[in-house]
């Protein structure tokens, strides 16, 4: 069997309709997984599924709001009718720019509901069946903002710090059930979201701002969704069976080298 094979693995990924989630969904499908994409943006999820199926692999889309446990639980139960979920990837998330002063309560709650409660809801919906199966793998998308201070990212950093702490807690609580839990902390990654953010906030200076943001990584560029997907594939494969309770920065040297 080829390394990093996911044949006969049932995968749930949230937010797989674009960007990093789309790249992970495609990469996992190419390795033989049956991929289930949960996304509020059904059209984006269906487009990802279409691309996967046209390449001869298996995927399906499910419209789901991760902030609502009853909705998540219902979708997970439907997906796992034939066999339990092998891998859960908590990828869905939203961003926010602001300090504690400029962040209003509505924005703070919205960030919490998607980035923190969403991880809780999806993990809670999958963990019981993983326990019964005696195995499972959970991968959370954290951020460099989980570990270091980033200017004007108060609420976002709060949520990603919580994701990192949840990762450690889940890994500790379920290690005897043969359930692994790790996280990935990306730096800046070039996605459609980044392009949209720059266009909205820096009209007329898009190229200049893109170059500036790219150079905040010591390596001199942003990452690509495919690079994040490759790390996710390893951590969710059987080859990573000795790894749990660990966060993996993938940041072009941002965390360790920015002080040089």
C-alpha atoms as a PDB file:
ATOM      1  CA  UNK A   1       0.000   0.000   0.000  1.00  0.00           C
ATOM      2  CA  UNK A   2       1.242   3.488  -0.886  1.00  0.00           C
ATOM      3  CA  UNK A   3       2.318   5.791   1.914  1.00  0.00           C
ATOM      4  CA  UNK A   4      -0.307   8.193   3.271  1.00  0.00           C
ATOM      5  CA  UNK A   5      -3.131   6.111   1.802  1.00  0.00           C
ATOM      6  CA  UNK A   6      -6.611   7.017   3.040  1.00  0.00           C
ATOM      7  CA  UNK A   7      -8.426   4.186   1.285  1.00  0.00           C
ATOM      8  CA  UNK A   8     -11.559   3.131   3.217  1.00  0.00           C
ATOM      9  CA  UNK A   9     -11.300   6.218   5.431  1.00  0.00           C
ATOM     10  CA  UNK A  10     -14.382   8.382   5.992  1.00  0.00           C
ATOM     11  CA  UNK A  11     -13.399  12.043   6.359  1.00  0.00           C
ATOM     12  CA  UNK A  12     -15.390  15.064   7.512  1.00  0.00           C
ATOM     13  CA  UNK A  13     -13.950  18.495   6.783  1.00  0.00           C
ATOM     14  CA  UNK A  14     -15.670  21.750   7.671  1.00  0.00           C
ATOM     15  CA  UNK A  15     -15.317  24.771   5.436  1.00  0.00           C
ATOM     16  CA  UNK A  16     -14.148  22.741   2.454  1.00  0.00           C
ATOM     17  CA  UNK A  17     -15.738  24.973  -0.151  1.00  0.00           C
ATOM     18  CA  UNK A  18     -12.698  27.191  -0.718  1.00  0.00           C
ATOM     19  CA  UNK A  19      -9.100  27.954   0.196  1.00  0.00           C
ATOM     20  CA  UNK A  20      -7.269  25.657   2.593  1.00  0.00           C
ATOM     21  CA  UNK A  21     -10.336  23.485   3.186  1.00  0.00           C
ATOM     22  CA  UNK A  22     -10.802  22.914  -0.518  1.00  0.00           C
ATOM     23  CA  UNK A  23      -7.153  21.922  -0.931  1.00  0.00           C
ATOM     24  CA  UNK A  24      -7.389  19.480   2.001  1.00  0.00           C
ATOM     25  CA  UNK A  25     -10.596  17.944   0.639  1.00  0.00           C
ATOM     26  CA  UNK A  26      -9.058  17.461  -2.802  1.00  0.00           C
ATOM     27  CA  UNK A  27      -5.779  16.061  -1.460  1.00  0.00           C
ATOM     28  CA  UNK A  28      -7.519  13.586   0.832  1.00  0.00           C
ATOM     29  CA  UNK A  29      -9.842  12.406  -1.935  1.00  0.00           C
ATOM     30  CA  UNK A  30      -6.849  11.815  -4.196  1.00  0.00           C
ATOM     31  CA  UNK A  31      -5.459   9.506  -1.497  1.00  0.00           C
ATOM     32  CA  UNK A  32      -8.599   7.371  -1.588  1.00  0.00           C
ATOM     33  CA  UNK A  33     -10.696   8.889   1.217  1.00  0.00           C
ATOM     34  CA  UNK A  34     -14.452   9.294   1.099  1.00  0.00           C
ATOM     35  CA  UNK A  35     -14.694  13.020   1.741  1.00  0.00           C
ATOM     36  CA  UNK A  36     -17.687  14.777   3.291  1.00  0.00           C
ATOM     37  CA  UNK A  37     -17.606  18.576   3.150  1.00  0.00           C
ATOM     38  CA  UNK A  38     -19.646  20.569   5.683  1.00  0.00           C
ATOM     39  CA  UNK A  39     -20.093  24.204   4.731  1.00  0.00           C
ATOM     40  CA  UNK A  40     -22.626  27.013   5.073  1.00  0.00           C
ATOM     41  CA  UNK A  41     -21.717  27.921   1.486  1.00  0.00           C
ATOM     42  CA  UNK A  42     -23.275  24.946  -0.285  1.00  0.00           C
ATOM     43  CA  UNK A  43     -22.426  26.219  -3.772  1.00  0.00           C
ATOM     44  CA  UNK A  44     -18.721  26.360  -2.914  1.00  0.00           C
ATOM     45  CA  UNK A  45     -18.835  22.901  -1.360  1.00  0.00           C
ATOM     46  CA  UNK A  46     -20.629  21.511  -4.412  1.00  0.00           C
ATOM     47  CA  UNK A  47     -17.990  23.023  -6.691  1.00  0.00           C
ATOM     48  CA  UNK A  48     -15.252  21.280  -4.699  1.00  0.00           C
ATOM     49  CA  UNK A  49     -17.191  18.023  -4.890  1.00  0.00           C
ATOM     50  CA  UNK A  50     -17.636  18.432  -8.637  1.00  0.00           C
ATOM     51  CA  UNK A  51     -13.894  18.841  -9.129  1.00  0.00           C
ATOM     52  CA  UNK A  52     -13.154  15.804  -6.965  1.00  0.00           C
ATOM     53  CA  UNK A  53     -15.712  13.610  -8.703  1.00  0.00           C
ATOM     54  CA  UNK A  54     -14.583  14.695 -12.166  1.00  0.00           C
ATOM     55  CA  UNK A  55     -11.126  13.397 -11.246  1.00  0.00           C
ATOM     56  CA  UNK A  56     -12.633  10.020 -10.390  1.00  0.00           C
ATOM     57  CA  UNK A  57     -12.673  10.303  -6.593  1.00  0.00           C
ATOM     58  CA  UNK A  58     -15.415  10.311  -3.959  1.00  0.00           C
ATOM     59  CA  UNK A  59     -16.913  13.292  -2.163  1.00  0.00           C
ATOM     60  CA  UNK A  60     -20.226  14.795  -1.093  1.00  0.00           C
ATOM     61  CA  UNK A  61     -21.382  18.176   0.183  1.00  0.00           C
ATOM     62  CA  UNK A  62     -23.600  18.945   3.163  1.00  0.00           C
ATOM     63  CA  UNK A  63     -24.964  22.382   3.994  1.00  0.00           C
ATOM     64  CA  UNK A  64     -24.280  22.821   7.690  1.00  0.00           C
ATOM     65  CA  UNK A  65     -23.887  25.660  10.177  1.00  0.00           C
ATOM     66  CA  UNK A  66     -21.174  24.535  12.593  1.00  0.00           C
ATOM     67  CA  UNK A  67     -22.393  26.989  15.231  1.00  0.00           C
ATOM     68  CA  UNK A  68     -25.560  24.892  15.732  1.00  0.00           C
ATOM     69  CA  UNK A  69     -25.009  21.559  17.485  1.00  0.00           C
ATOM     70  CA  UNK A  70     -28.348  20.006  16.501  1.00  0.00           C
ATOM     71  CA  UNK A  71     -27.574  20.708  12.853  1.00  0.00           C
ATOM     72  CA  UNK A  72     -24.045  19.341  13.100  1.00  0.00           C
ATOM     73  CA  UNK A  73     -25.177  16.231  14.995  1.00  0.00           C
ATOM     74  CA  UNK A  74     -27.859  15.471  12.419  1.00  0.00           C
ATOM     75  CA  UNK A  75     -25.432  15.732   9.495  1.00  0.00           C
ATOM     76  CA  UNK A  76     -22.784  13.617  11.248  1.00  0.00           C
ATOM     77  CA  UNK A  77     -25.346  10.912  12.055  1.00  0.00           C
ATOM     78  CA  UNK A  78     -26.405  10.803   8.421  1.00  0.00           C
ATOM     79  CA  UNK A  79     -22.811  10.559   7.208  1.00  0.00           C
ATOM     80  CA  UNK A  80     -21.915   7.788   9.658  1.00  0.00           C
ATOM     81  CA  UNK A  81     -24.900   5.508   9.005  1.00  0.00           C
ATOM     82  CA  UNK A  82     -22.774   2.979   7.110  1.00  0.00           C
ATOM     83  CA  UNK A  83     -19.552   3.329   9.092  1.00  0.00           C
ATOM     84  CA  UNK A  84     -18.086   5.691  11.699  1.00  0.00           C
ATOM     85  CA  UNK A  85     -16.118   8.810  10.875  1.00  0.00           C
ATOM     86  CA  UNK A  86     -12.384   8.086  10.812  1.00  0.00           C
ATOM     87  CA  UNK A  87     -11.066  11.645  10.561  1.00  0.00           C
ATOM     88  CA  UNK A  88     -12.519  15.019  11.516  1.00  0.00           C
ATOM     89  CA  UNK A  89     -10.860  18.181  10.261  1.00  0.00           C
ATOM     90  CA  UNK A  90     -12.076  21.335  11.981  1.00  0.00           C
ATOM     91  CA  UNK A  91     -11.161  23.852   9.316  1.00  0.00           C
ATOM     92  CA  UNK A  92     -14.117  26.263   9.189  1.00  0.00           C
ATOM     93  CA  UNK A  93     -13.253  29.669  10.549  1.00  0.00           C
ATOM     94  CA  UNK A  94     -13.623  33.402  10.074  1.00  0.00           C
ATOM     95  CA  UNK A  95     -11.208  36.287  10.556  1.00  0.00           C
ATOM     96  CA  UNK A  96     -11.441  39.695  12.187  1.00  0.00           C
ATOM     97  CA  UNK A  97      -9.282  42.800  12.409  1.00  0.00           C
ATOM     98  CA  UNK A  98      -9.320  44.927  15.541  1.00  0.00           C
ATOM     99  CA  UNK A  99      -8.065  45.623  19.048  1.00  0.00           C
ATOM    100  CA  UNK A 100     -10.063  45.016  22.225  1.00  0.00           C
ATOM    101  CA  UNK A 101     -11.327  48.614  21.962  1.00  0.00           C
ATOM    102  CA  UNK A 102     -12.441  48.448  18.353  1.00  0.00           C
ATOM    103  CA  UNK A 103     -14.021  44.979  18.589  1.00  0.00           C
ATOM    104  CA  UNK A 104     -17.744  45.173  19.289  1.00  0.00           C
ATOM    105  CA  UNK A 105     -19.678  42.503  21.179  1.00  0.00           C
ATOM    106  CA  UNK A 106     -21.467  41.252  18.075  1.00  0.00           C
ATOM    107  CA  UNK A 107     -18.195  40.624  16.231  1.00  0.00           C
ATOM    108  CA  UNK A 108     -16.662  38.974  19.298  1.00  0.00           C
ATOM    109  CA  UNK A 109     -19.623  36.598  19.634  1.00  0.00           C
ATOM    110  CA  UNK A 110     -19.569  35.786  15.928  1.00  0.00           C
ATOM    111  CA  UNK A 111     -15.868  34.879  16.071  1.00  0.00           C
ATOM    112  CA  UNK A 112     -16.437  32.723  19.158  1.00  0.00           C
ATOM    113  CA  UNK A 113     -19.430  30.917  17.679  1.00  0.00           C
ATOM    114  CA  UNK A 114     -17.693  29.903  14.467  1.00  0.00           C
ATOM    115  CA  UNK A 115     -14.069  29.437  15.497  1.00  0.00           C
ATOM    116  CA  UNK A 116     -14.505  27.998  18.986  1.00  0.00           C
ATOM    117  CA  UNK A 117     -18.027  26.652  19.340  1.00  0.00           C
ATOM    118  CA  UNK A 118     -17.826  25.209  15.821  1.00  0.00           C
ATOM    119  CA  UNK A 119     -14.832  23.082  16.830  1.00  0.00           C
ATOM    120  CA  UNK A 120     -16.641  22.022  20.008  1.00  0.00           C
ATOM    121  CA  UNK A 121     -19.837  21.082  18.158  1.00  0.00           C
ATOM    122  CA  UNK A 122     -18.149  19.028  15.456  1.00  0.00           C
ATOM    123  CA  UNK A 123     -15.810  17.258  17.875  1.00  0.00           C
ATOM    124  CA  UNK A 124     -18.655  16.450  20.254  1.00  0.00           C
ATOM    125  CA  UNK A 125     -20.729  15.048  17.387  1.00  0.00           C
ATOM    126  CA  UNK A 126     -17.903  12.738  16.218  1.00  0.00           C
ATOM    127  CA  UNK A 127     -16.048  11.733  19.376  1.00  0.00           C
ATOM    128  CA  UNK A 128     -18.574   9.211  20.751  1.00  0.00           C
ATOM    129  CA  UNK A 129     -18.583   7.113  17.606  1.00  0.00           C
ATOM    130  CA  UNK A 130     -14.794   7.293  17.426  1.00  0.00           C
ATOM    131  CA  UNK A 131     -14.660   5.933  20.983  1.00  0.00           C
ATOM    132  CA  UNK A 132     -16.962   3.057  20.028  1.00  0.00           C
ATOM    133  CA  UNK A 133     -14.810   2.294  16.989  1.00  0.00           C
ATOM    134  CA  UNK A 134     -11.675   2.365  19.147  1.00  0.00           C
ATOM    135  CA  UNK A 135      -9.882   4.772  16.847  1.00  0.00           C
ATOM    136  CA  UNK A 136     -10.057   8.205  15.329  1.00  0.00           C
ATOM    137  CA  UNK A 137      -8.144  11.286  14.295  1.00  0.00           C
ATOM    138  CA  UNK A 138      -9.025  14.934  14.813  1.00  0.00           C
ATOM    139  CA  UNK A 139      -7.116  17.781  13.205  1.00  0.00           C
ATOM    140  CA  UNK A 140      -7.817  21.390  14.151  1.00  0.00           C
ATOM    141  CA  UNK A 141      -6.798  24.434  12.142  1.00  0.00           C
ATOM    142  CA  UNK A 142      -5.252  26.829  14.635  1.00  0.00           C
ATOM    143  CA  UNK A 143      -2.995  29.733  13.621  1.00  0.00           C
ATOM    144  CA  UNK A 144       0.281  31.440  14.364  1.00  0.00           C
ATOM    145  CA  UNK A 145      -2.010  33.813  16.291  1.00  0.00           C
ATOM    146  CA  UNK A 146      -2.485  30.956  18.783  1.00  0.00           C
ATOM    147  CA  UNK A 147       1.125  31.293  19.874  1.00  0.00           C
ATOM    148  CA  UNK A 148       2.375  34.829  19.247  1.00  0.00           C
ATOM    149  CA  UNK A 149       0.920  38.326  19.459  1.00  0.00           C
ATOM    150  CA  UNK A 150      -0.253  39.798  16.169  1.00  0.00           C
ATOM    151  CA  UNK A 151      -1.279  43.441  15.897  1.00  0.00           C
ATOM    152  CA  UNK A 152      -5.006  44.174  15.539  1.00  0.00           C
ATOM    153  CA  UNK A 153      -6.098  40.551  15.865  1.00  0.00           C
ATOM    154  CA  UNK A 154      -7.531  40.534  19.396  1.00  0.00           C
ATOM    155  CA  UNK A 155     -10.718  38.482  18.897  1.00  0.00           C
ATOM    156  CA  UNK A 156      -9.226  36.237  16.231  1.00  0.00           C
ATOM    157  CA  UNK A 157      -6.224  35.452  18.442  1.00  0.00           C
ATOM    158  CA  UNK A 158      -8.573  34.656  21.315  1.00  0.00           C
ATOM    159  CA  UNK A 159     -10.412  32.066  19.250  1.00  0.00           C
ATOM    160  CA  UNK A 160      -7.306  30.437  17.837  1.00  0.00           C
ATOM    161  CA  UNK A 161      -5.716  30.273  21.278  1.00  0.00           C
ATOM    162  CA  UNK A 162      -8.814  28.381  22.351  1.00  0.00           C
ATOM    163  CA  UNK A 163      -8.466  25.994  19.403  1.00  0.00           C
ATOM    164  CA  UNK A 164      -4.905  25.223  20.469  1.00  0.00           C
ATOM    165  CA  UNK A 165      -5.955  24.575  24.081  1.00  0.00           C
ATOM    166  CA  UNK A 166      -8.842  22.366  22.956  1.00  0.00           C
ATOM    167  CA  UNK A 167      -6.409  20.359  20.858  1.00  0.00           C
ATOM    168  CA  UNK A 168      -4.241  19.595  23.880  1.00  0.00           C
ATOM    169  CA  UNK A 169      -7.230  18.790  26.074  1.00  0.00           C
ATOM    170  CA  UNK A 170      -8.873  16.427  23.581  1.00  0.00           C
ATOM    171  CA  UNK A 171      -5.585  14.626  22.956  1.00  0.00           C
ATOM    172  CA  UNK A 172      -5.108  14.106  26.692  1.00  0.00           C
ATOM    173  CA  UNK A 173      -8.685  13.000  27.408  1.00  0.00           C
ATOM    174  CA  UNK A 174      -8.933  10.440  24.605  1.00  0.00           C
ATOM    175  CA  UNK A 175      -5.435   9.017  24.234  1.00  0.00           C
ATOM    176  CA  UNK A 176      -6.542   5.752  25.858  1.00  0.00           C
ATOM    177  CA  UNK A 177      -9.357   5.489  23.304  1.00  0.00           C
ATOM    178  CA  UNK A 178      -6.814   5.492  20.471  1.00  0.00           C
ATOM    179  CA  UNK A 179      -8.044   8.887  19.279  1.00  0.00           C
ATOM    180  CA  UNK A 180      -5.340  11.295  18.172  1.00  0.00           C
ATOM    181  CA  UNK A 181      -5.773  15.077  18.104  1.00  0.00           C
ATOM    182  CA  UNK A 182      -3.314  17.563  16.643  1.00  0.00           C
ATOM    183  CA  UNK A 183      -3.423  21.042  15.173  1.00  0.00           C
ATOM    184  CA  UNK A 184      -1.825  23.030  12.376  1.00  0.00           C
ATOM    185  CA  UNK A 185      -0.879  26.703  12.792  1.00  0.00           C
ATOM    186  CA  UNK A 186      -0.537  28.332   9.381  1.00  0.00           C
ATOM    187  CA  UNK A 187       1.055  31.694   8.772  1.00  0.00           C
ATOM    188  CA  UNK A 188      -0.300  33.781   5.926  1.00  0.00           C
ATOM    189  CA  UNK A 189      -1.597  31.580   3.116  1.00  0.00           C
ATOM    190  CA  UNK A 190      -2.589  32.882  -0.307  1.00  0.00           C
ATOM    191  CA  UNK A 191      -6.303  32.123  -0.620  1.00  0.00           C
ATOM    192  CA  UNK A 192      -9.272  33.878  -2.270  1.00  0.00           C
ATOM    193  CA  UNK A 193     -10.085  35.220   1.204  1.00  0.00           C
ATOM    194  CA  UNK A 194      -6.741  37.051   1.333  1.00  0.00           C
ATOM    195  CA  UNK A 195      -7.313  38.564  -2.106  1.00  0.00           C
ATOM    196  CA  UNK A 196     -10.799  39.693  -1.084  1.00  0.00           C
ATOM    197  CA  UNK A 197      -9.555  41.118   2.204  1.00  0.00           C
ATOM    198  CA  UNK A 198      -6.851  43.169   0.472  1.00  0.00           C
ATOM    199  CA  UNK A 199      -9.249  44.408  -2.197  1.00  0.00           C
ATOM    200  CA  UNK A 200     -11.807  45.498   0.402  1.00  0.00           C
ATOM    201  CA  UNK A 201      -9.429  47.150   2.847  1.00  0.00           C
ATOM    202  CA  UNK A 202      -6.714  48.528   0.558  1.00  0.00           C
ATOM    203  CA  UNK A 203      -8.411  49.576  -2.706  1.00  0.00           C
ATOM    204  CA  UNK A 204      -5.915  50.876  -5.231  1.00  0.00           C
ATOM    205  CA  UNK A 205      -2.961  49.475  -3.317  1.00  0.00           C
ATOM    206  CA  UNK A 206      -3.606  45.758  -3.723  1.00  0.00           C
ATOM    207  CA  UNK A 207      -0.251  44.831  -5.262  1.00  0.00           C
ATOM    208  CA  UNK A 208       1.699  46.840  -2.718  1.00  0.00           C
ATOM    209  CA  UNK A 209      -0.181  45.356   0.236  1.00  0.00           C
ATOM    210  CA  UNK A 210       0.101  41.811  -1.125  1.00  0.00           C
ATOM    211  CA  UNK A 211       3.869  42.238  -1.356  1.00  0.00           C
ATOM    212  CA  UNK A 212       4.020  43.698   2.149  1.00  0.00           C
ATOM    213  CA  UNK A 213       2.004  40.861   3.671  1.00  0.00           C
ATOM    214  CA  UNK A 214       4.046  38.277   1.782  1.00  0.00           C
ATOM    215  CA  UNK A 215       7.288  39.630   3.213  1.00  0.00           C
ATOM    216  CA  UNK A 216       6.090  39.359   6.816  1.00  0.00           C
ATOM    217  CA  UNK A 217       7.054  35.697   6.496  1.00  0.00           C
ATOM    218  CA  UNK A 218      10.834  35.351   6.781  1.00  0.00           C
ATOM    219  CA  UNK A 219      10.770  32.964   3.831  1.00  0.00           C
ATOM    220  CA  UNK A 220       9.553  35.900   1.712  1.00  0.00           C
ATOM    221  CA  UNK A 221       6.200  34.645   0.468  1.00  0.00           C
ATOM    222  CA  UNK A 222       2.818  33.393   1.564  1.00  0.00           C
ATOM    223  CA  UNK A 223       2.124  29.699   1.840  1.00  0.00           C
ATOM    224  CA  UNK A 224      -0.141  27.826  -0.550  1.00  0.00           C
ATOM    225  CA  UNK A 225      -3.259  25.835   0.361  1.00  0.00           C
ATOM    226  CA  UNK A 226      -1.641  22.730  -1.124  1.00  0.00           C
ATOM    227  CA  UNK A 227       1.295  23.041   1.275  1.00  0.00           C
ATOM    228  CA  UNK A 228      -1.094  23.121   4.238  1.00  0.00           C
ATOM    229  CA  UNK A 229      -3.006  20.168   2.792  1.00  0.00           C
ATOM    230  CA  UNK A 230       0.186  18.112   2.515  1.00  0.00           C
ATOM    231  CA  UNK A 231       0.906  18.556   6.227  1.00  0.00           C
ATOM    232  CA  UNK A 232      -2.713  17.748   7.070  1.00  0.00           C
ATOM    233  CA  UNK A 233      -2.465  14.559   5.021  1.00  0.00           C
ATOM    234  CA  UNK A 234       0.557  13.364   6.938  1.00  0.00           C
ATOM    235  CA  UNK A 235      -0.952  14.115  10.347  1.00  0.00           C
ATOM    236  CA  UNK A 236      -4.169  12.279   9.482  1.00  0.00           C
ATOM    237  CA  UNK A 237      -2.463   9.254   7.931  1.00  0.00           C
ATOM    238  CA  UNK A 238      -1.540   6.024   9.673  1.00  0.00           C
ATOM    239  CA  UNK A 239       2.118   6.989   9.243  1.00  0.00           C
ATOM    240  CA  UNK A 240       1.556   9.676  11.909  1.00  0.00           C
ATOM    241  CA  UNK A 241       0.141   7.182  14.384  1.00  0.00           C
ATOM    242  CA  UNK A 242       2.729   8.136  17.047  1.00  0.00           C
ATOM    243  CA  UNK A 243       1.781  11.818  16.988  1.00  0.00           C
ATOM    244  CA  UNK A 244      -0.867  13.378  19.219  1.00  0.00           C
ATOM    245  CA  UNK A 245      -1.306  16.503  21.320  1.00  0.00           C
ATOM    246  CA  UNK A 246       1.003  18.545  19.099  1.00  0.00           C
ATOM    247  CA  UNK A 247       0.701  21.805  17.188  1.00  0.00           C
ATOM    248  CA  UNK A 248       2.561  22.173  13.902  1.00  0.00           C
ATOM    249  CA  UNK A 249       3.427  25.711  12.753  1.00  0.00           C
ATOM    250  CA  UNK A 250       3.629  25.996   8.973  1.00  0.00           C
ATOM    251  CA  UNK A 251       4.514  29.637   8.673  1.00  0.00           C
ATOM    252  CA  UNK A 252       7.588  30.327   6.576  1.00  0.00           C
ATOM    253  CA  UNK A 253       9.595  30.817   9.753  1.00  0.00           C
ATOM    254  CA  UNK A 254       7.275  33.488  11.232  1.00  0.00           C
ATOM    255  CA  UNK A 255       7.154  32.285  14.841  1.00  0.00           C
ATOM    256  CA  UNK A 256      10.807  31.377  15.314  1.00  0.00           C
ATOM    257  CA  UNK A 257      12.675  33.651  12.915  1.00  0.00           C
ATOM    258  CA  UNK A 258      10.967  37.038  13.061  1.00  0.00           C
ATOM    259  CA  UNK A 259      13.188  38.106  15.948  1.00  0.00           C
ATOM    260  CA  UNK A 260      16.436  37.474  14.134  1.00  0.00           C
END
